[in-house]
């Protein structure tokens, strides 16, 4: 049971960190194609956070 809780916390933290990281990149990005890719990554990690 502890292992499930630990895995949940690990996945939650990973996706939370990745969302914040990509949001920081998005703010400073100038290339529109790169912005789209970063935005897709943000959406992916937010979706994973909702499905945990």
C-alpha atoms as a PDB file:
ATOM      1  CA  UNK A   1       0.000   0.000   0.000  1.00  0.00           C
ATOM      2  CA  UNK A   2       2.832   2.410   0.802  1.00  0.00           C
ATOM      3  CA  UNK A   3       4.343   1.724  -2.601  1.00  0.00           C
ATOM      4  CA  UNK A   4       1.150   2.845  -4.385  1.00  0.00           C
ATOM      5  CA  UNK A   5       1.063   6.062  -2.379  1.00  0.00           C
ATOM      6  CA  UNK A   6       4.718   6.725  -3.106  1.00  0.00           C
ATOM      7  CA  UNK A   7       4.224   6.098  -6.834  1.00  0.00           C
ATOM      8  CA  UNK A   8       1.193   8.397  -6.846  1.00  0.00           C
ATOM      9  CA  UNK A   9       3.213  11.157  -5.186  1.00  0.00           C
ATOM     10  CA  UNK A  10       6.111  10.639  -7.569  1.00  0.00           C
ATOM     11  CA  UNK A  11       3.908  10.847 -10.668  1.00  0.00           C
ATOM     12  CA  UNK A  12       2.039  13.865  -9.286  1.00  0.00           C
ATOM     13  CA  UNK A  13       5.255  15.731  -8.521  1.00  0.00           C
ATOM     14  CA  UNK A  14       6.824  14.828 -11.875  1.00  0.00           C
ATOM     15  CA  UNK A  15       3.901  16.120 -13.917  1.00  0.00           C
ATOM     16  CA  UNK A  16       3.530  19.219 -11.710  1.00  0.00           C
ATOM     17  CA  UNK A  17       7.193  20.085 -12.144  1.00  0.00           C
ATOM     18  CA  UNK A  18       7.025  19.512 -15.888  1.00  0.00           C
ATOM     19  CA  UNK A  19       3.963  21.775 -16.245  1.00  0.00           C
ATOM     20  CA  UNK A  20       5.707  24.606 -14.381  1.00  0.00           C
ATOM     21  CA  UNK A  21       8.922  24.064 -16.345  1.00  0.00           C
ATOM     22  CA  UNK A  22       7.181  24.224 -19.709  1.00  0.00           C
ATOM     23  CA  UNK A  23       5.136  27.251 -18.643  1.00  0.00           C
ATOM     24  CA  UNK A  24       8.365  29.070 -17.818  1.00  0.00           C
ATOM     25  CA  UNK A  25       9.797  28.121 -21.203  1.00  0.00           C
ATOM     26  CA  UNK A  26       6.627  29.231 -22.961  1.00  0.00           C
ATOM     27  CA  UNK A  27       6.802  32.709 -21.435  1.00  0.00           C
ATOM     28  CA  UNK A  28      10.259  33.366 -22.835  1.00  0.00           C
ATOM     29  CA  UNK A  29       9.871  31.593 -26.184  1.00  0.00           C
ATOM     30  CA  UNK A  30       9.838  33.666 -29.363  1.00  0.00           C
ATOM     31  CA  UNK A  31       9.435  30.956 -32.017  1.00  0.00           C
ATOM     32  CA  UNK A  32       5.774  30.215 -32.778  1.00  0.00           C
ATOM     33  CA  UNK A  33       6.403  26.586 -33.813  1.00  0.00           C
ATOM     34  CA  UNK A  34       8.328  25.906 -30.633  1.00  0.00           C
ATOM     35  CA  UNK A  35       5.574  27.599 -28.618  1.00  0.00           C
ATOM     36  CA  UNK A  36       3.042  25.171 -30.071  1.00  0.00           C
ATOM     37  CA  UNK A  37       5.185  22.185 -29.108  1.00  0.00           C
ATOM     38  CA  UNK A  38       5.650  23.500 -25.592  1.00  0.00           C
ATOM     39  CA  UNK A  39       1.921  24.169 -25.274  1.00  0.00           C
ATOM     40  CA  UNK A  40       1.199  20.571 -26.324  1.00  0.00           C
ATOM     41  CA  UNK A  41       3.569  19.330 -23.635  1.00  0.00           C
ATOM     42  CA  UNK A  42       1.810  21.468 -21.034  1.00  0.00           C
ATOM     43  CA  UNK A  43      -1.557  20.051 -22.079  1.00  0.00           C
ATOM     44  CA  UNK A  44      -0.167  16.502 -21.924  1.00  0.00           C
ATOM     45  CA  UNK A  45       1.176  16.897 -18.392  1.00  0.00           C
ATOM     46  CA  UNK A  46      -1.988  18.653 -17.188  1.00  0.00           C
ATOM     47  CA  UNK A  47      -4.039  15.788 -18.603  1.00  0.00           C
ATOM     48  CA  UNK A  48      -1.847  13.286 -16.778  1.00  0.00           C
ATOM     49  CA  UNK A  49      -2.305  15.229 -13.540  1.00  0.00           C
ATOM     50  CA  UNK A  50      -6.087  15.014 -13.905  1.00  0.00           C
ATOM     51  CA  UNK A  51      -5.944  11.271 -14.615  1.00  0.00           C
ATOM     52  CA  UNK A  52      -3.726  10.277 -11.697  1.00  0.00           C
END
